[in-house]
Protein backbone atom coordinates (compact mmCIF):
# COMPACT_ATOMS: atom_id res chain seq x y z
CA MET A 1 -0.06 0.06 0.01
CA ARG A 2 1.31 3.32 -0.89
CA ASP A 3 -1.37 5.59 0.57
CA VAL A 4 -4.50 4.97 2.69
CA HIS A 5 -6.79 7.90 2.89
CA GLU A 6 -10.38 8.40 4.23
CA LYS A 7 -11.72 8.36 0.57
CA TYR A 8 -9.18 6.37 -1.38
CA MET A 9 -6.34 3.73 -1.12
CA ARG A 10 -3.32 3.66 -3.63
CA ALA A 11 -1.17 0.55 -4.07
CA ASP A 12 1.40 -1.11 -6.14
CA ILE A 13 0.16 -4.79 -7.06
CA ASP A 14 2.08 -7.82 -8.34
CA ILE A 15 -0.08 -10.58 -9.77
CA ILE A 16 1.85 -13.92 -9.60
CA ARG A 17 1.01 -16.96 -11.89
CA PRO A 18 1.04 -20.41 -10.37
CA GLY A 19 4.66 -21.41 -10.15
CA GLY A 20 5.69 -17.97 -9.05
CA ARG A 21 6.22 -16.05 -12.22
CA LEU A 22 5.02 -12.43 -12.53
CA TRP A 23 2.03 -12.21 -14.70
CA MET A 24 1.05 -8.41 -14.16
CA ARG A 25 2.27 -5.51 -12.35
CA LEU A 26 0.01 -2.52 -11.40
CA GLU A 27 1.67 0.63 -10.20
CA GLY A 28 -0.17 3.47 -8.51
CA TRP A 29 -3.53 1.48 -8.58
CA CYS A 30 -6.16 3.69 -6.97
CA ASP A 31 -9.50 2.58 -5.52
CA TRP A 32 -12.26 4.67 -3.92
CA ARG A 33 -13.24 3.65 -0.48
CA PHE A 34 -17.11 3.13 0.14
CA TYR A 35 -18.49 2.97 3.60
CA GLY A 36 -21.73 1.14 4.09
CA PRO A 37 -23.69 -0.11 7.22
CA GLY A 38 -22.42 -2.97 9.04
CA GLU A 39 -25.37 -5.15 8.01
CA ALA A 40 -24.12 -4.89 4.37
CA TYR A 41 -20.53 -5.46 5.33
CA ASP A 42 -21.34 -8.63 7.21
CA PHE A 43 -23.49 -9.93 4.34
CA PHE A 44 -20.80 -9.48 1.83
CA ARG A 45 -18.29 -11.19 4.10
CA PHE A 46 -20.52 -14.15 5.18
CA PRO A 47 -23.40 -14.54 2.62
CA GLY A 48 -24.12 -17.98 3.62
CA GLU A 49 -24.54 -17.05 7.21
CA ILE A 50 -26.11 -13.35 7.41
CA VAL A 51 -29.74 -13.13 6.37
CA VAL A 52 -30.69 -9.55 5.15
CA SER A 53 -34.07 -10.35 4.09
CA LYS A 54 -37.56 -11.42 5.48
CA PRO A 55 -40.10 -13.58 3.88
CA MET A 56 -42.91 -11.87 1.91
CA ALA A 57 -45.72 -14.32 1.30
CA ALA A 58 -48.36 -12.20 -0.61
CA PRO A 59 -46.66 -12.20 -4.12
CA ILE A 60 -46.55 -16.07 -4.36
CA ALA A 61 -49.84 -16.84 -2.08
CA ARG A 62 -51.59 -18.04 -5.31
CA PHE A 63 -48.83 -20.31 -6.64
CA PRO A 64 -49.92 -23.93 -6.83
CA SER A 65 -46.79 -25.18 -4.88
CA LEU A 66 -45.91 -22.91 -2.24
CA ASP A 67 -43.16 -25.02 -0.84
CA GLU A 68 -41.03 -24.87 -4.20
CA PHE A 69 -40.96 -20.94 -4.10
CA ALA A 70 -39.76 -18.23 -1.78
CA CYS A 71 -40.34 -14.58 -1.83
CA CYS A 72 -38.27 -12.09 0.39
CA THR A 73 -37.84 -8.43 0.68
CA PRO A 74 -34.72 -6.66 2.22
CA ASP A 75 -34.70 -6.23 5.82
CA LEU A 76 -31.53 -4.20 6.54
CA GLY A 77 -32.91 -1.59 8.93
CA GLU A 78 -33.00 2.14 8.56
CA THR A 79 -29.28 2.56 8.60
CA PHE A 80 -28.98 0.72 5.44
CA TYR A 81 -31.34 3.03 3.64
CA SER A 82 -30.62 6.32 5.29
CA ARG A 83 -29.14 9.37 3.56
CA GLY A 84 -25.73 8.64 4.98
CA SER A 85 -25.60 5.42 3.18
CA ALA A 86 -26.76 6.82 -0.09
CA ALA A 87 -23.32 6.64 -1.71
CA PHE A 88 -23.42 2.86 -0.85
């Protein structure tokens, strides 16, 4: 890492092939940093463990085999949809 700032990070990156040979070198790569709510961060880190939705039965209520379908809606709390998270 060259620089770590509040809004971005800059790094030099070597991408190595299996066997140890250099495949690509990125010098001065810069990425913006995005801040989001903890629920979203946890979901992206552990998608098989963190649930960010709740069941919503009405859209599939008339389906013939309810046990074959699921309908959910996001349930991330007010912080996820707040104005402060708009950039996320």
